[in-house]
PDB file of N, CA and C in Angstrom:
ATOM      1  N   UNK A   1       0.851  -1.184   0.000  1.00  0.00           N
ATOM      2  CA  UNK A   1       0.000   0.000   0.000  1.00  0.00           C
ATOM      3  C   UNK A   1       0.893   1.241   0.000  1.00  0.00           C
ATOM      4  N   UNK A   2       0.460   2.274  -0.658  1.00  0.00           N
ATOM      5  CA  UNK A   2       1.219   3.528  -0.706  1.00  0.00           C
ATOM      6  C   UNK A   2       1.082   4.247   0.627  1.00  0.00           C
ATOM      7  N   UNK A   3       2.184   4.800   1.097  1.00  0.00           N
ATOM      8  CA  UNK A   3       2.189   5.458   2.390  1.00  0.00           C
ATOM      9  C   UNK A   3       1.360   6.723   2.456  1.00  0.00           C
ATOM     10  N   UNK A   4       1.276   7.467   1.367  1.00  0.00           N
ATOM     11  CA  UNK A   4       0.611   8.769   1.395  1.00  0.00           C
ATOM     12  C   UNK A   4      -0.874   8.668   1.723  1.00  0.00           C
ATOM     13  N   UNK A   5      -1.432   7.487   1.680  1.00  0.00           N
ATOM     14  CA  UNK A   5      -2.848   7.380   2.030  1.00  0.00           C
ATOM     15  C   UNK A   5      -3.080   7.310   3.541  1.00  0.00           C
ATOM     16  N   UNK A   6      -1.987   7.311   4.306  1.00  0.00           N
ATOM     17  CA  UNK A   6      -2.080   7.271   5.761  1.00  0.00           C
ATOM     18  C   UNK A   6      -1.402   8.486   6.382  1.00  0.00           C
ATOM     19  N   UNK A   7      -1.910   8.900   7.553  1.00  0.00           N
ATOM     20  CA  UNK A   7      -1.361  10.066   8.248  1.00  0.00           C
ATOM     21  C   UNK A   7      -1.289   9.808   9.753  1.00  0.00           C
ATOM     22  N   UNK A   8      -0.392  10.533  10.397  1.00  0.00           N
ATOM     23  CA  UNK A   8      -0.404  10.693  11.842  1.00  0.00           C
ATOM     24  C   UNK A   8      -0.959  12.089  12.096  1.00  0.00           C
ATOM     25  N   UNK A   9      -1.936  12.194  12.967  1.00  0.00           N
ATOM     26  CA  UNK A   9      -2.570  13.478  13.270  1.00  0.00           C
ATOM     27  C   UNK A   9      -2.219  13.865  14.706  1.00  0.00           C
ATOM     28  N   UNK A  10      -1.565  15.005  14.854  1.00  0.00           N
ATOM     29  CA  UNK A  10      -1.093  15.509  16.150  1.00  0.00           C
ATOM     30  C   UNK A  10      -2.048  16.583  16.641  1.00  0.00           C
ATOM     31  N   UNK A  11      -2.485  16.443  17.885  1.00  0.00           N
ATOM     32  CA  UNK A  11      -3.398  17.403  18.500  1.00  0.00           C
ATOM     33  C   UNK A  11      -2.895  17.669  19.916  1.00  0.00           C
ATOM     34  N   UNK A  12      -2.683  18.923  20.276  1.00  0.00           N
ATOM     35  CA  UNK A  12      -2.352  19.257  21.664  1.00  0.00           C
ATOM     36  C   UNK A  12      -3.650  19.544  22.405  1.00  0.00           C
ATOM     37  N   UNK A  13      -3.802  18.900  23.553  1.00  0.00           N
ATOM     38  CA  UNK A  13      -5.031  19.012  24.341  1.00  0.00           C
ATOM     39  C   UNK A  13      -4.733  19.676  25.685  1.00  0.00           C
ATOM     40  N   UNK A  14      -5.728  20.339  26.284  1.00  0.00           N
ATOM     41  CA  UNK A  14      -5.491  21.042  27.542  1.00  0.00           C
ATOM     42  C   UNK A  14      -5.281  20.114  28.729  1.00  0.00           C
ATOM     43  N   UNK A  15      -5.805  18.875  28.643  1.00  0.00           N
ATOM     44  CA  UNK A  15      -5.637  17.922  29.735  1.00  0.00           C
ATOM     45  C   UNK A  15      -5.845  16.504  29.224  1.00  0.00           C
ATOM     46  N   UNK A  16      -5.533  15.554  30.082  1.00  0.00           N
ATOM     47  CA  UNK A  16      -5.614  14.142  29.703  1.00  0.00           C
ATOM     48  C   UNK A  16      -7.061  13.714  29.418  1.00  0.00           C
ATOM     49  N   UNK A  17      -8.014  14.227  30.149  1.00  0.00           N
ATOM     50  CA  UNK A  17      -9.417  13.841  29.954  1.00  0.00           C
ATOM     51  C   UNK A  17      -9.894  14.193  28.544  1.00  0.00           C
ATOM     52  N   UNK A  18      -9.551  15.377  28.069  1.00  0.00           N
ATOM     53  CA  UNK A  18      -9.947  15.777  26.708  1.00  0.00           C
ATOM     54  C   UNK A  18      -9.228  14.896  25.686  1.00  0.00           C
ATOM     55  N   UNK A  19      -7.932  14.660  25.885  1.00  0.00           N
ATOM     56  CA  UNK A  19      -7.176  13.814  24.956  1.00  0.00           C
ATOM     57  C   UNK A  19      -7.789  12.420  24.873  1.00  0.00           C
ATOM     58  N   UNK A  20      -8.126  11.849  26.019  1.00  0.00           N
ATOM     59  CA  UNK A  20      -8.709  10.506  26.025  1.00  0.00           C
ATOM     60  C   UNK A  20     -10.108  10.496  25.419  1.00  0.00           C
ATOM     61  N   UNK A  21     -10.861  11.551  25.637  1.00  0.00           N
ATOM     62  CA  UNK A  21     -12.217  11.626  25.047  1.00  0.00           C
ATOM     63  C   UNK A  21     -12.132  11.678  23.517  1.00  0.00           C
ATOM     64  N   UNK A  22     -11.218  12.483  22.991  1.00  0.00           N
ATOM     65  CA  UNK A  22     -11.024  12.559  21.535  1.00  0.00           C
ATOM     66  C   UNK A  22     -10.520  11.216  21.017  1.00  0.00           C
ATOM     67  N   UNK A  23      -9.549  10.618  21.713  1.00  0.00           N
ATOM     68  CA  UNK A  23      -8.981   9.340  21.291  1.00  0.00           C
ATOM     69  C   UNK A  23     -10.057   8.257  21.223  1.00  0.00           C
ATOM     70  N   UNK A  24     -10.855   8.143  22.272  1.00  0.00           N
ATOM     71  CA  UNK A  24     -11.897   7.123  22.312  1.00  0.00           C
ATOM     72  C   UNK A  24     -12.939   7.340  21.222  1.00  0.00           C
ATOM     73  N   UNK A  25     -13.304   8.585  20.954  1.00  0.00           N
ATOM     74  CA  UNK A  25     -14.284   8.878  19.907  1.00  0.00           C
ATOM     75  C   UNK A  25     -13.720   8.558  18.528  1.00  0.00           C
ATOM     76  N   UNK A  26     -12.478   8.939  18.265  1.00  0.00           N
ATOM     77  CA  UNK A  26     -11.871   8.707  16.947  1.00  0.00           C
ATOM     78  C   UNK A  26     -11.685   7.219  16.675  1.00  0.00           C
ATOM     79  N   UNK A  27     -11.179   6.493  17.670  1.00  0.00           N
ATOM     80  CA  UNK A  27     -10.992   5.048  17.494  1.00  0.00           C
ATOM     81  C   UNK A  27     -12.353   4.348  17.462  1.00  0.00           C
ATOM     82  N   UNK A  28     -13.265   4.758  18.314  1.00  0.00           N
ATOM     83  CA  UNK A  28     -14.608   4.170  18.343  1.00  0.00           C
ATOM     84  C   UNK A  28     -15.357   4.347  17.039  1.00  0.00           C
ATOM     85  N   UNK A  29     -15.190   5.508  16.397  1.00  0.00           N
ATOM     86  CA  UNK A  29     -15.845   5.791  15.117  1.00  0.00           C
ATOM     87  C   UNK A  29     -15.058   5.236  13.925  1.00  0.00           C
ATOM     88  N   UNK A  30     -13.927   4.572  14.202  1.00  0.00           N
ATOM     89  CA  UNK A  30     -13.053   3.995  13.178  1.00  0.00           C
ATOM     90  C   UNK A  30     -12.461   5.063  12.250  1.00  0.00           C
ATOM     91  N   UNK A  31     -12.316   6.286  12.775  1.00  0.00           N
ATOM     92  CA  UNK A  31     -11.613   7.346  12.060  1.00  0.00           C
ATOM     93  C   UNK A  31     -10.115   7.244  12.294  1.00  0.00           C
ATOM     94  N   UNK A  32      -9.735   6.533  13.347  1.00  0.00           N
ATOM     95  CA  UNK A  32      -8.331   6.280  13.668  1.00  0.00           C
ATOM     96  C   UNK A  32      -8.219   4.823  14.110  1.00  0.00           C
ATOM     97  N   UNK A  33      -7.105   4.209  13.771  1.00  0.00           N
ATOM     98  CA  UNK A  33      -6.862   2.831  14.186  1.00  0.00           C
ATOM     99  C   UNK A  33      -6.285   2.777  15.594  1.00  0.00           C
ATOM    100  N   UNK A  34      -5.610   3.845  15.985  1.00  0.00           N
ATOM    101  CA  UNK A  34      -4.892   3.866  17.254  1.00  0.00           C
ATOM    102  C   UNK A  34      -4.724   5.311  17.696  1.00  0.00           C
ATOM    103  N   UNK A  35      -4.622   5.492  19.002  1.00  0.00           N
ATOM    104  CA  UNK A  35      -4.343   6.811  19.563  1.00  0.00           C
ATOM    105  C   UNK A  35      -3.256   6.666  20.610  1.00  0.00           C
ATOM    106  N   UNK A  36      -2.286   7.564  20.566  1.00  0.00           N
ATOM    107  CA  UNK A  36      -1.247   7.629  21.591  1.00  0.00           C
ATOM    108  C   UNK A  36      -1.455   8.909  22.385  1.00  0.00           C
ATOM    109  N   UNK A  37      -1.625   8.768  23.696  1.00  0.00           N
ATOM    110  CA  UNK A  37      -1.753   9.908  24.589  1.00  0.00           C
ATOM    111  C   UNK A  37      -0.403  10.040  25.299  1.00  0.00           C
ATOM    112  N   UNK A  38       0.260  11.160  25.068  1.00  0.00           N
ATOM    113  CA  UNK A  38       1.602  11.389  25.589  1.00  0.00           C
ATOM    114  C   UNK A  38       1.564  12.063  26.956  1.00  0.00           C
ATOM    115  N   UNK A  39       2.686  12.024  27.669  1.00  0.00           N
ATOM    116  CA  UNK A  39       2.785  12.782  28.923  1.00  0.00           C
ATOM    117  C   UNK A  39       2.734  14.287  28.658  1.00  0.00           C
ATOM    118  N   UNK A  40       2.486  15.018  29.705  1.00  0.00           N
ATOM    119  CA  UNK A  40       2.374  16.475  29.635  1.00  0.00           C
ATOM    120  C   UNK A  40       3.630  17.131  29.070  1.00  0.00           C
ATOM    121  N   UNK A  41       3.408  18.158  28.253  1.00  0.00           N
ATOM    122  CA  UNK A  41       4.481  19.002  27.733  1.00  0.00           C
ATOM    123  C   UNK A  41       4.180  20.442  28.111  1.00  0.00           C
ATOM    124  N   UNK A  42       5.164  21.303  27.978  1.00  0.00           N
ATOM    125  CA  UNK A  42       4.975  22.733  28.187  1.00  0.00           C
ATOM    126  C   UNK A  42       5.044  23.415  26.827  1.00  0.00           C
ATOM    127  N   UNK A  43       4.011  24.160  26.490  1.00  0.00           N
ATOM    128  CA  UNK A  43       3.959  24.874  25.215  1.00  0.00           C
ATOM    129  C   UNK A  43       4.081  26.374  25.446  1.00  0.00           C
ATOM    130  N   UNK A  44       4.887  26.998  24.634  1.00  0.00           N
ATOM    131  CA  UNK A  44       5.024  28.455  24.641  1.00  0.00           C
ATOM    132  C   UNK A  44       4.644  28.919  23.248  1.00  0.00           C
ATOM    133  N   UNK A  45       3.713  29.858  23.168  1.00  0.00           N
ATOM    134  CA  UNK A  45       3.160  30.245  21.870  1.00  0.00           C
ATOM    135  C   UNK A  45       2.655  31.684  21.919  1.00  0.00           C
ATOM    136  N   UNK A  46       2.478  32.243  20.732  1.00  0.00           N
ATOM    137  CA  UNK A  46       1.919  33.590  20.625  1.00  0.00           C
ATOM    138  C   UNK A  46       0.426  33.445  20.348  1.00  0.00           C
ATOM    139  N   UNK A  47      -0.389  34.152  21.138  1.00  0.00           N
ATOM    140  CA  UNK A  47      -1.839  34.093  20.973  1.00  0.00           C
ATOM    141  C   UNK A  47      -2.413  35.478  21.197  1.00  0.00           C
ATOM    142  N   UNK A  48      -3.060  36.006  20.160  1.00  0.00           N
ATOM    143  CA  UNK A  48      -3.713  37.313  20.227  1.00  0.00           C
ATOM    144  C   UNK A  48      -2.766  38.391  20.737  1.00  0.00           C
ATOM    145  N   UNK A  49      -1.540  38.376  20.214  1.00  0.00           N
ATOM    146  CA  UNK A  49      -0.573  39.417  20.488  1.00  0.00           C
ATOM    147  C   UNK A  49       0.269  39.242  21.734  1.00  0.00           C
ATOM    148  N   UNK A  50       0.040  38.185  22.481  1.00  0.00           N
ATOM    149  CA  UNK A  50       0.806  37.973  23.715  1.00  0.00           C
ATOM    150  C   UNK A  50       1.482  36.608  23.679  1.00  0.00           C
ATOM    151  N   UNK A  51       2.613  36.516  24.346  1.00  0.00           N
ATOM    152  CA  UNK A  51       3.292  35.230  24.483  1.00  0.00           C
ATOM    153  C   UNK A  51       2.670  34.516  25.681  1.00  0.00           C
ATOM    154  N   UNK A  52       2.188  33.318  25.444  1.00  0.00           N
ATOM    155  CA  UNK A  52       1.498  32.527  26.459  1.00  0.00           C
ATOM    156  C   UNK A  52       2.275  31.260  26.759  1.00  0.00           C
ATOM    157  N   UNK A  53       1.982  30.640  27.886  1.00  0.00           N
ATOM    158  CA  UNK A  53       2.545  29.349  28.254  1.00  0.00           C
ATOM    159  C   UNK A  53       1.414  28.489  28.793  1.00  0.00           C
ATOM    160  N   UNK A  54       1.408  27.212  28.386  1.00  0.00           N
ATOM    161  CA  UNK A  54       0.385  26.294  28.896  1.00  0.00           C
ATOM    162  C   UNK A  54       0.953  24.884  28.948  1.00  0.00           C
ATOM    163  N   UNK A  55       0.529  24.118  29.924  1.00  0.00           N
ATOM    164  CA  UNK A  55       0.818  22.696  29.956  1.00  0.00           C
ATOM    165  C   UNK A  55      -0.243  22.002  29.108  1.00  0.00           C
ATOM    166  N   UNK A  56       0.182  21.092  28.237  1.00  0.00           N
ATOM    167  CA  UNK A  56      -0.736  20.412  27.332  1.00  0.00           C
ATOM    168  C   UNK A  56      -0.407  18.928  27.264  1.00  0.00           C
ATOM    169  N   UNK A  57      -1.366  18.168  26.781  1.00  0.00           N
ATOM    170  CA  UNK A  57      -1.208  16.734  26.565  1.00  0.00           C
ATOM    171  C   UNK A  57      -1.254  16.481  25.060  1.00  0.00           C
ATOM    172  N   UNK A  58      -0.157  16.013  24.470  1.00  0.00           N
ATOM    173  CA  UNK A  58      -0.165  15.688  23.039  1.00  0.00           C
ATOM    174  C   UNK A  58      -0.932  14.393  22.785  1.00  0.00           C
ATOM    175  N   UNK A  59      -1.676  14.396  21.698  1.00  0.00           N
ATOM    176  CA  UNK A  59      -2.428  13.228  21.250  1.00  0.00           C
ATOM    177  C   UNK A  59      -2.036  12.941  19.809  1.00  0.00           C
ATOM    178  N   UNK A  60      -1.721  11.698  19.498  1.00  0.00           N
ATOM    179  CA  UNK A  60      -1.365  11.292  18.144  1.00  0.00           C
ATOM    180  C   UNK A  60      -2.364  10.244  17.686  1.00  0.00           C
ATOM    181  N   UNK A  61      -3.075  10.543  16.591  1.00  0.00           N
ATOM    182  CA  UNK A  61      -4.024   9.603  16.003  1.00  0.00           C
ATOM    183  C   UNK A  61      -3.432   9.023  14.727  1.00  0.00           C
ATOM    184  N   UNK A  62      -3.573   7.722  14.529  1.00  0.00           N
ATOM    185  CA  UNK A  62      -3.064   7.041  13.342  1.00  0.00           C
ATOM    186  C   UNK A  62      -4.256   6.723  12.458  1.00  0.00           C
ATOM    187  N   UNK A  63      -4.250   7.293  11.248  1.00  0.00           N
ATOM    188  CA  UNK A  63      -5.460   7.292  10.444  1.00  0.00           C
ATOM    189  C   UNK A  63      -5.166   7.255   8.947  1.00  0.00           C
ATOM    190  N   UNK A  64      -6.221   7.298   8.177  1.00  0.00           N
ATOM    191  CA  UNK A  64      -6.136   7.455   6.722  1.00  0.00           C
ATOM    192  C   UNK A  64      -6.191   8.951   6.405  1.00  0.00           C
ATOM    193  N   UNK A  65      -5.470   9.353   5.374  1.00  0.00           N
ATOM    194  CA  UNK A  65      -5.487  10.771   4.995  1.00  0.00           C
ATOM    195  C   UNK A  65      -6.894  11.227   4.618  1.00  0.00           C
ATOM    196  N   UNK A  66      -7.696  10.334   4.076  1.00  0.00           N
ATOM    197  CA  UNK A  66      -9.061  10.681   3.671  1.00  0.00           C
ATOM    198  C   UNK A  66      -9.950  11.028   4.872  1.00  0.00           C
ATOM    199  N   UNK A  67      -9.544  10.642   6.067  1.00  0.00           N
ATOM    200  CA  UNK A  67     -10.342  10.918   7.265  1.00  0.00           C
ATOM    201  C   UNK A  67      -9.953  12.224   7.957  1.00  0.00           C
ATOM    202  N   UNK A  68      -8.972  12.944   7.420  1.00  0.00           N
ATOM    203  CA  UNK A  68      -8.491  14.136   8.135  1.00  0.00           C
ATOM    204  C   UNK A  68      -9.618  15.120   8.443  1.00  0.00           C
ATOM    205  N   UNK A  69     -10.435  15.464   7.475  1.00  0.00           N
ATOM    206  CA  UNK A  69     -11.495  16.460   7.709  1.00  0.00           C
ATOM    207  C   UNK A  69     -12.500  15.975   8.747  1.00  0.00           C
ATOM    208  N   UNK A  70     -12.854  14.691   8.704  1.00  0.00           N
ATOM    209  CA  UNK A  70     -13.782  14.144   9.699  1.00  0.00           C
ATOM    210  C   UNK A  70     -13.156  14.164  11.094  1.00  0.00           C
ATOM    211  N   UNK A  71     -11.873  13.851  11.179  1.00  0.00           N
ATOM    212  CA  UNK A  71     -11.175  13.926  12.467  1.00  0.00           C
ATOM    213  C   UNK A  71     -11.149  15.368  12.964  1.00  0.00           C
ATOM    214  N   UNK A  72     -10.850  16.310  12.084  1.00  0.00           N
ATOM    215  CA  UNK A  72     -10.817  17.725  12.471  1.00  0.00           C
ATOM    216  C   UNK A  72     -12.181  18.178  12.996  1.00  0.00           C
ATOM    217  N   UNK A  73     -13.257  17.743  12.360  1.00  0.00           N
ATOM    218  CA  UNK A  73     -14.606  18.090  12.830  1.00  0.00           C
ATOM    219  C   UNK A  73     -14.874  17.472  14.200  1.00  0.00           C
ATOM    220  N   UNK A  74     -14.490  16.216  14.363  1.00  0.00           N
ATOM    221  CA  UNK A  74     -14.672  15.537  15.646  1.00  0.00           C
ATOM    222  C   UNK A  74     -13.904  16.263  16.751  1.00  0.00           C
ATOM    223  N   UNK A  75     -12.642  16.569  16.484  1.00  0.00           N
ATOM    224  CA  UNK A  75     -11.815  17.265  17.474  1.00  0.00           C
ATOM    225  C   UNK A  75     -12.443  18.609  17.825  1.00  0.00           C
ATOM    226  N   UNK A  76     -12.857  19.354  16.829  1.00  0.00           N
ATOM    227  CA  UNK A  76     -13.442  20.680  17.074  1.00  0.00           C
ATOM    228  C   UNK A  76     -14.723  20.599  17.899  1.00  0.00           C
ATOM    229  N   UNK A  77     -15.449  19.494  17.797  1.00  0.00           N
ATOM    230  CA  UNK A  77     -16.689  19.346  18.564  1.00  0.00           C
ATOM    231  C   UNK A  77     -16.433  19.015  20.043  1.00  0.00           C
ATOM    232  N   UNK A  78     -15.229  18.528  20.356  1.00  0.00           N
ATOM    233  CA  UNK A  78     -14.892  18.130  21.731  1.00  0.00           C
ATOM    234  C   UNK A  78     -13.906  19.094  22.380  1.00  0.00           C
ATOM    235  N   UNK A  79     -12.943  19.551  21.614  1.00  0.00           N
ATOM    236  CA  UNK A  79     -11.818  20.342  22.121  1.00  0.00           C
ATOM    237  C   UNK A  79     -12.283  21.731  22.551  1.00  0.00           C
ATOM    238  N   UNK A  80     -11.877  22.199  23.727  1.00  0.00           N
ATOM    239  CA  UNK A  80     -12.347  23.503  24.208  1.00  0.00           C
ATOM    240  C   UNK A  80     -11.610  24.713  23.630  1.00  0.00           C
ATOM    241  N   UNK A  81     -10.451  24.523  22.989  1.00  0.00           N
ATOM    242  CA  UNK A  81      -9.721  25.672  22.464  1.00  0.00           C
ATOM    243  C   UNK A  81     -10.482  26.323  21.313  1.00  0.00           C
ATOM    244  N   UNK A  82     -10.372  27.630  21.228  1.00  0.00           N
ATOM    245  CA  UNK A  82     -10.962  28.374  20.109  1.00  0.00           C
ATOM    246  C   UNK A  82     -10.354  27.920  18.787  1.00  0.00           C
ATOM    247  N   UNK A  83      -9.043  27.694  18.765  1.00  0.00           N
ATOM    248  CA  UNK A  83      -8.330  27.266  17.561  1.00  0.00           C
ATOM    249  C   UNK A  83      -7.368  26.135  17.927  1.00  0.00           C
ATOM    250  N   UNK A  84      -7.886  24.900  18.030  1.00  0.00           N
ATOM    251  CA  UNK A  84      -6.977  23.805  18.363  1.00  0.00           C
ATOM    252  C   UNK A  84      -6.033  23.497  17.200  1.00  0.00           C
ATOM    253  N   UNK A  85      -4.844  23.051  17.550  1.00  0.00           N
ATOM    254  CA  UNK A  85      -3.883  22.611  16.545  1.00  0.00           C
ATOM    255  C   UNK A  85      -4.228  21.178  16.153  1.00  0.00           C
ATOM    256  N   UNK A  86      -4.550  20.975  14.882  1.00  0.00           N
ATOM    257  CA  UNK A  86      -4.865  19.653  14.338  1.00  0.00           C
ATOM    258  C   UNK A  86      -4.009  19.529  13.083  1.00  0.00           C
ATOM    259  N   UNK A  87      -2.897  18.804  13.182  1.00  0.00           N
ATOM    260  CA  UNK A  87      -1.883  18.795  12.134  1.00  0.00           C
ATOM    261  C   UNK A  87      -1.627  17.360  11.692  1.00  0.00           C
ATOM    262  N   UNK A  88      -1.694  17.109  10.391  1.00  0.00           N
ATOM    263  CA  UNK A  88      -1.432  15.769   9.867  1.00  0.00           C
ATOM    264  C   UNK A  88      -0.080  15.721   9.167  1.00  0.00           C
ATOM    265  N   UNK A  89       0.612  14.619   9.386  1.00  0.00           N
ATOM    266  CA  UNK A  89       1.858  14.332   8.692  1.00  0.00           C
ATOM    267  C   UNK A  89       1.635  13.069   7.860  1.00  0.00           C
ATOM    268  N   UNK A  90       1.844  13.185   6.552  1.00  0.00           N
ATOM    269  CA  UNK A  90       1.683  12.019   5.689  1.00  0.00           C
ATOM    270  C   UNK A  90       2.759  10.990   5.988  1.00  0.00           C
ATOM    271  N   UNK A  91       2.381   9.738   6.006  1.00  0.00           N
ATOM    272  CA  UNK A  91       3.337   8.652   6.175  1.00  0.00           C
ATOM    273  C   UNK A  91       3.816   8.255   4.783  1.00  0.00           C
ATOM    274  N   UNK A  92       4.982   8.711   4.427  1.00  0.00           N
ATOM    275  CA  UNK A  92       5.492   8.483   3.065  1.00  0.00           C
ATOM    276  C   UNK A  92       6.191   7.137   2.919  1.00  0.00           C
ATOM    277  N   UNK A  93       6.556   6.536   4.019  1.00  0.00           N
ATOM    278  CA  UNK A  93       7.143   5.201   3.997  1.00  0.00           C
ATOM    279  C   UNK A  93       6.528   4.428   5.154  1.00  0.00           C
ATOM    280  N   UNK A  94       5.981   3.256   4.859  1.00  0.00           N
ATOM    281  CA  UNK A  94       5.272   2.480   5.874  1.00  0.00           C
ATOM    282  C   UNK A  94       5.387   1.002   5.515  1.00  0.00           C
ATOM    283  N   UNK A  95       5.637   0.176   6.515  1.00  0.00           N
ATOM    284  CA  UNK A  95       5.750  -1.247   6.200  1.00  0.00           C
ATOM    285  C   UNK A  95       4.377  -1.832   5.867  1.00  0.00           C
ATOM    286  N   UNK A  96       4.374  -2.848   5.019  1.00  0.00           N
ATOM    287  CA  UNK A  96       3.134  -3.407   4.468  1.00  0.00           C
ATOM    288  C   UNK A  96       2.192  -3.918   5.555  1.00  0.00           C
ATOM    289  N   UNK A  97       2.725  -4.621   6.548  1.00  0.00           N
ATOM    290  CA  UNK A  97       1.866  -5.158   7.594  1.00  0.00           C
ATOM    291  C   UNK A  97       1.166  -4.072   8.384  1.00  0.00           C
ATOM    292  N   UNK A  98       1.884  -2.997   8.705  1.00  0.00           N
ATOM    293  CA  UNK A  98       1.292  -1.875   9.440  1.00  0.00           C
ATOM    294  C   UNK A  98       0.246  -1.163   8.584  1.00  0.00           C
ATOM    295  N   UNK A  99       0.533  -0.988   7.309  1.00  0.00           N
ATOM    296  CA  UNK A  99      -0.430  -0.355   6.393  1.00  0.00           C
ATOM    297  C   UNK A  99      -1.705  -1.193   6.303  1.00  0.00           C
ATOM    298  N   UNK A 100      -1.545  -2.503   6.213  1.00  0.00           N
ATOM    299  CA  UNK A 100      -2.716  -3.392   6.161  1.00  0.00           C
ATOM    300  C   UNK A 100      -3.541  -3.265   7.433  1.00  0.00           C
ATOM    301  N   UNK A 101      -2.850  -3.188   8.588  1.00  0.00           N
ATOM    302  CA  UNK A 101      -3.552  -3.048   9.860  1.00  0.00           C
ATOM    303  C   UNK A 101      -4.302  -1.716   9.925  1.00  0.00           C
ATOM    304  N   UNK A 102      -3.647  -0.622   9.513  1.00  0.00           N
ATOM    305  CA  UNK A 102      -4.317   0.695   9.513  1.00  0.00           C
ATOM    306  C   UNK A 102      -5.567   0.667   8.638  1.00  0.00           C
ATOM    307  N   UNK A 103      -5.451   0.048   7.469  1.00  0.00           N
ATOM    308  CA  UNK A 103      -6.598  -0.036   6.558  1.00  0.00           C
ATOM    309  C   UNK A 103      -7.725  -0.877   7.169  1.00  0.00           C
ATOM    310  N   UNK A 104      -7.363  -1.986   7.793  1.00  0.00           N
ATOM    311  CA  UNK A 104      -8.370  -2.884   8.365  1.00  0.00           C
ATOM    312  C   UNK A 104      -9.094  -2.274   9.566  1.00  0.00           C
ATOM    313  N   UNK A 105      -8.398  -1.457  10.343  1.00  0.00           N
ATOM    314  CA  UNK A 105      -8.964  -0.923  11.574  1.00  0.00           C
ATOM    315  C   UNK A 105      -9.606   0.450  11.438  1.00  0.00           C
ATOM    316  N   UNK A 106      -9.601   1.008  10.231  1.00  0.00           N
ATOM    317  CA  UNK A 106     -10.317   2.263   9.955  1.00  0.00           C
ATOM    318  C   UNK A 106     -11.366   1.982   8.889  1.00  0.00           C
ATOM    319  N   UNK A 107     -12.426   2.768   8.927  1.00  0.00           N
ATOM    320  CA  UNK A 107     -13.486   2.540   7.951  1.00  0.00           C
ATOM    321  C   UNK A 107     -13.081   3.045   6.574  1.00  0.00           C
ATOM    322  N   UNK A 108     -13.736   2.519   5.570  1.00  0.00           N
ATOM    323  CA  UNK A 108     -13.505   2.978   4.210  1.00  0.00           C
ATOM    324  C   UNK A 108     -13.955   4.439   4.097  1.00  0.00           C
ATOM    325  N   UNK A 109     -13.194   5.258   3.389  1.00  0.00           N
ATOM    326  CA  UNK A 109     -13.583   6.681   3.233  1.00  0.00           C
ATOM    327  C   UNK A 109     -14.868   6.824   2.428  1.00  0.00           C
TER     328      UNK A 109
END
């Protein structure tokens, strides 16, 4: 299978509960085959003209590229941020067994 049809989607969440809620919804709806909830990180960013700092929980969803918009809609419906970061990285190289698993565990677009 070609790698470009799969993506990792990175989302920073305000806390573990939100990250787990998004993860469970995405995997439950078969929009993602797997979710990794990472330990807390510290983010420093510019927001509305000021430099801000926040502790966040990174969430990584493993999905098909065709599901990106549906994942973004799902995240936006749960995530409390006005503008959550929802960023996909195409998987340009992927082993066949993992690609088969991703395809089997996500719904057809």
